[in-house]
Amino acid sequence: MLSKSEIRTTVKKKMFDFDISHKMASDQKIRDNIYSLREYKMAETISSYVSKDEEVDTINIIAQSINLKKTVCVPLVIRHNSLLEMRKVQSLDDLKVGCFNILQPKENTKIVNPKDIELFFIPGIAFSEKGERIGRGGGYFDRFLSECDGPKIGLSYEFQVFDSLPVQKHDIKMDIIVTEDRVISFV
């Protein structure tokens, strides 16, 4: 089995080499799969990471969810203690470039208790057929998700899904993984 480091290197190269038109088509298929999920349709309050260029696009998911009158929360990185704080955004204008050069909520946005969030869209470098996840290595989402109750949905391209991953006890499993080709559910 590859190490976490080897998996990160392999997947990041594939992300970098991903053809933009294929990426855009895959992002649309992933959005279509998300919008058909019962968990998404039923949720009034959701949380989503804000995607970077190579990740599954969440900007459109955030905008569509706001248009559907869902309460949308995105993470604010609290770097000094390596934690995430969920903040309510009412439009994409509530975001600014922050920690790690990622769009984050502005400081004047409202803090939301994670227990009030019904569904979480989670980024990852790799996912497994068993719901396992490897992130970027900072542990921010694992620490945060350990206190969350709602379904954890990993967003992934098919090339990021492995049979199994070298995970540790503190790594949080996903309840659902959504790719351009399928929805893998463990709930």
Protein backbone atom coordinates (compact mmCIF):
# COMPACT_ATOMS: atom_id res chain seq x y z
CA MET A 1 0.00 0.00 0.00
CA LEU A 2 1.24 3.48 -0.83
CA SER A 3 2.01 5.87 2.04
CA LYS A 4 -0.06 9.00 2.62
CA SER A 5 2.79 11.07 1.22
CA GLU A 6 3.02 8.95 -1.94
CA ILE A 7 -0.75 9.13 -2.44
CA ARG A 8 -0.72 12.92 -2.02
CA THR A 9 2.09 13.24 -4.59
CA THR A 10 0.37 10.92 -7.09
CA VAL A 11 -3.06 12.57 -6.82
CA LYS A 12 -1.69 16.14 -6.88
CA LYS A 13 0.11 15.34 -10.15
CA LYS A 14 -3.12 13.97 -11.65
CA MET A 15 -4.99 17.08 -10.46
CA PHE A 16 -2.37 19.34 -12.04
CA ASP A 17 -2.55 17.39 -15.32
CA PHE A 18 -6.37 17.29 -15.39
CA ASP A 19 -7.62 18.81 -18.66
CA ILE A 20 -9.69 21.94 -17.90
CA SER A 21 -12.61 21.01 -20.18
CA HIS A 22 -12.75 17.51 -18.65
CA LYS A 23 -12.55 19.07 -15.16
CA MET A 24 -15.45 21.42 -15.89
CA ALA A 25 -17.59 18.56 -17.25
CA SER A 26 -16.71 16.40 -14.22
CA ASP A 27 -17.57 19.27 -11.85
CA GLN A 28 -21.01 19.57 -13.48
CA LYS A 29 -21.65 15.82 -13.15
CA ILE A 30 -20.62 15.98 -9.48
CA ARG A 31 -23.00 18.92 -8.91
CA ASP A 32 -25.81 16.98 -10.61
CA ASN A 33 -25.11 14.01 -8.31
CA ILE A 34 -25.14 16.31 -5.26
CA TYR A 35 -28.39 18.03 -6.23
CA SER A 36 -30.10 14.64 -6.53
CA LEU A 37 -29.03 13.52 -3.03
CA ARG A 38 -31.89 13.22 -0.56
CA GLU A 39 -29.55 14.50 2.17
CA TYR A 40 -28.85 17.68 0.19
CA LYS A 41 -32.49 18.27 -0.74
CA MET A 42 -33.60 17.91 2.89
CA ALA A 43 -30.84 20.00 4.49
CA GLU A 44 -31.63 23.59 5.38
CA THR A 45 -28.16 24.36 6.75
CA ILE A 46 -25.07 23.10 4.93
CA SER A 47 -21.33 23.56 5.18
CA SER A 48 -18.94 23.57 2.25
CA TYR A 49 -15.26 24.16 1.81
CA VAL A 50 -14.38 26.82 -0.77
CA SER A 51 -12.53 25.05 -3.57
CA LYS A 52 -9.12 25.89 -4.91
CA ASP A 53 -8.47 25.63 -8.65
CA GLU A 54 -7.61 21.92 -8.77
CA GLU A 55 -10.29 20.73 -6.34
CA VAL A 56 -13.88 19.80 -7.12
CA ASP A 57 -15.56 23.15 -7.70
CA THR A 58 -17.76 24.24 -4.80
CA ILE A 59 -18.27 27.90 -5.76
CA ASN A 60 -21.30 26.95 -7.86
CA ILE A 61 -22.61 24.65 -5.12
CA ILE A 62 -22.35 27.48 -2.60
CA ALA A 63 -24.07 29.98 -4.94
CA GLN A 64 -26.84 27.52 -5.87
CA SER A 65 -27.43 26.65 -2.21
CA ILE A 66 -27.75 30.33 -1.33
CA ASN A 67 -30.19 30.76 -4.24
CA LEU A 68 -32.22 27.85 -2.83
CA LYS A 69 -32.41 29.78 0.48
CA LYS A 70 -30.29 27.27 2.35
CA THR A 71 -28.12 28.58 5.17
CA VAL A 72 -24.57 28.15 3.88
CA CYS A 73 -21.53 27.98 6.14
CA VAL A 74 -17.90 27.94 5.08
CA PRO A 75 -14.80 27.39 7.20
CA LEU A 76 -12.63 30.15 8.56
CA VAL A 77 -9.15 28.83 9.39
CA ILE A 78 -8.01 29.80 12.88
CA ARG A 79 -4.33 29.21 12.25
CA HIS A 80 -2.89 29.89 15.72
CA ASN A 81 -4.74 26.86 17.13
CA SER A 82 -5.19 24.86 13.88
CA LEU A 83 -8.99 24.90 14.08
CA LEU A 84 -11.88 25.63 11.74
CA GLU A 85 -14.76 27.91 12.63
CA MET A 86 -17.93 27.76 10.54
CA ARG A 87 -19.28 31.09 9.36
CA LYS A 88 -22.54 31.90 7.59
CA VAL A 89 -22.20 33.45 4.13
CA GLN A 90 -25.14 35.10 2.40
CA SER A 91 -23.35 35.73 -0.89
CA LEU A 92 -19.98 35.12 -2.50
CA ASP A 93 -19.19 38.74 -1.58
CA ASP A 94 -18.87 37.54 2.04
CA LEU A 95 -15.61 35.77 1.04
CA LYS A 96 -12.06 37.09 0.86
CA VAL A 97 -8.63 35.53 0.33
CA GLY A 98 -7.35 34.24 3.64
CA CYS A 99 -5.13 31.59 5.15
CA PHE A 100 -3.37 29.26 2.67
CA ASN A 101 -4.55 31.59 -0.13
CA ILE A 102 -8.07 30.10 0.17
CA LEU A 103 -11.29 32.09 -0.01
CA GLN A 104 -12.68 32.34 3.51
CA PRO A 105 -15.52 34.21 5.19
CA LYS A 106 -14.85 37.78 6.23
CA GLU A 107 -14.43 38.38 9.97
CA ASN A 108 -17.81 40.13 10.29
CA THR A 109 -19.74 36.99 9.28
CA LYS A 110 -21.78 35.12 11.87
CA ILE A 111 -20.27 32.09 13.66
CA VAL A 112 -22.47 28.98 13.35
CA ASN A 113 -22.47 26.13 15.83
CA PRO A 114 -21.40 22.93 13.99
CA LYS A 115 -24.24 21.07 15.75
CA ASP A 116 -26.69 23.25 13.77
CA ILE A 117 -25.25 22.18 10.41
CA GLU A 118 -27.11 19.31 8.73
CA LEU A 119 -24.64 18.36 6.00
CA PHE A 120 -20.91 18.87 5.38
CA PHE A 121 -19.10 18.92 2.02
CA ILE A 122 -15.51 17.90 2.69
CA PRO A 123 -12.40 18.23 0.51
CA GLY A 124 -9.76 15.55 0.25
CA ILE A 125 -6.74 14.47 -1.69
CA ALA A 126 -7.94 10.86 -1.71
CA PHE A 127 -10.93 8.79 -0.60
CA SER A 128 -11.47 5.05 -0.39
CA GLU A 129 -14.27 2.66 -1.23
CA LYS A 130 -14.62 2.30 2.56
CA GLY A 131 -15.22 6.01 3.25
CA GLU A 132 -11.66 6.74 4.35
CA ARG A 133 -10.17 10.15 3.57
CA ILE A 134 -6.72 11.68 3.24
CA GLY A 135 -6.59 15.46 3.39
CA ARG A 136 -3.73 17.87 2.79
CA GLY A 137 -2.04 16.88 6.04
CA GLY A 138 -2.93 19.68 8.45
CA GLY A 139 -5.66 17.78 10.30
CA TYR A 140 -8.01 20.79 10.30
CA PHE A 141 -11.05 18.91 8.98
CA ASP A 142 -10.43 15.78 11.08
CA ARG A 143 -10.35 17.86 14.28
CA PHE A 144 -13.44 19.79 13.24
CA LEU A 145 -15.46 16.80 12.03
CA SER A 146 -14.89 14.88 15.25
CA GLU A 147 -17.48 17.24 16.80
CA CYS A 148 -20.04 17.15 13.96
CA ASP A 149 -23.19 15.06 13.65
CA GLY A 150 -24.48 15.63 10.10
CA PRO A 151 -23.53 13.52 7.08
CA LYS A 152 -19.98 14.09 5.88
CA ILE A 153 -19.83 14.11 2.08
CA GLY A 154 -16.47 13.85 0.37
CA LEU A 155 -16.29 15.48 -3.07
CA SER A 156 -13.87 13.74 -5.38
CA TYR A 157 -12.89 12.99 -8.93
CA GLU A 158 -12.95 9.31 -9.76
CA PHE A 159 -9.12 9.19 -9.99
CA GLN A 160 -8.97 10.17 -6.30
CA VAL A 161 -10.86 7.06 -5.15
CA PHE A 162 -8.77 4.07 -3.99
CA ASP A 163 -9.72 0.61 -2.73
CA SER A 164 -8.31 1.47 0.71
CA LEU A 165 -6.05 4.07 2.29
CA PRO A 166 -3.41 4.09 5.05
CA VAL A 167 -5.44 5.90 7.68
CA GLN A 168 -5.00 6.45 11.40
CA LYS A 169 -7.41 6.26 14.30
CA HIS A 170 -8.04 10.03 14.30
CA ASP A 171 -8.92 10.14 10.56
CA ILE A 172 -12.66 10.75 10.14
CA LYS A 173 -14.58 8.59 7.67
CA MET A 174 -17.04 10.01 5.16
CA ASP A 175 -20.70 9.00 5.12
CA ILE A 176 -20.99 9.60 1.36
CA ILE A 177 -18.48 10.14 -1.44
CA VAL A 178 -19.64 11.88 -4.61
CA THR A 179 -17.68 11.62 -7.86
CA GLU A 180 -18.54 12.40 -11.46
CA ASP A 181 -19.44 8.73 -12.02
CA ARG A 182 -21.13 7.61 -8.83
CA VAL A 183 -22.36 8.19 -5.31
CA ILE A 184 -20.82 5.86 -2.72
CA SER A 185 -22.98 5.83 0.38
CA PHE A 186 -22.26 4.31 3.77
CA VAL A 187 -25.48 5.53 5.43
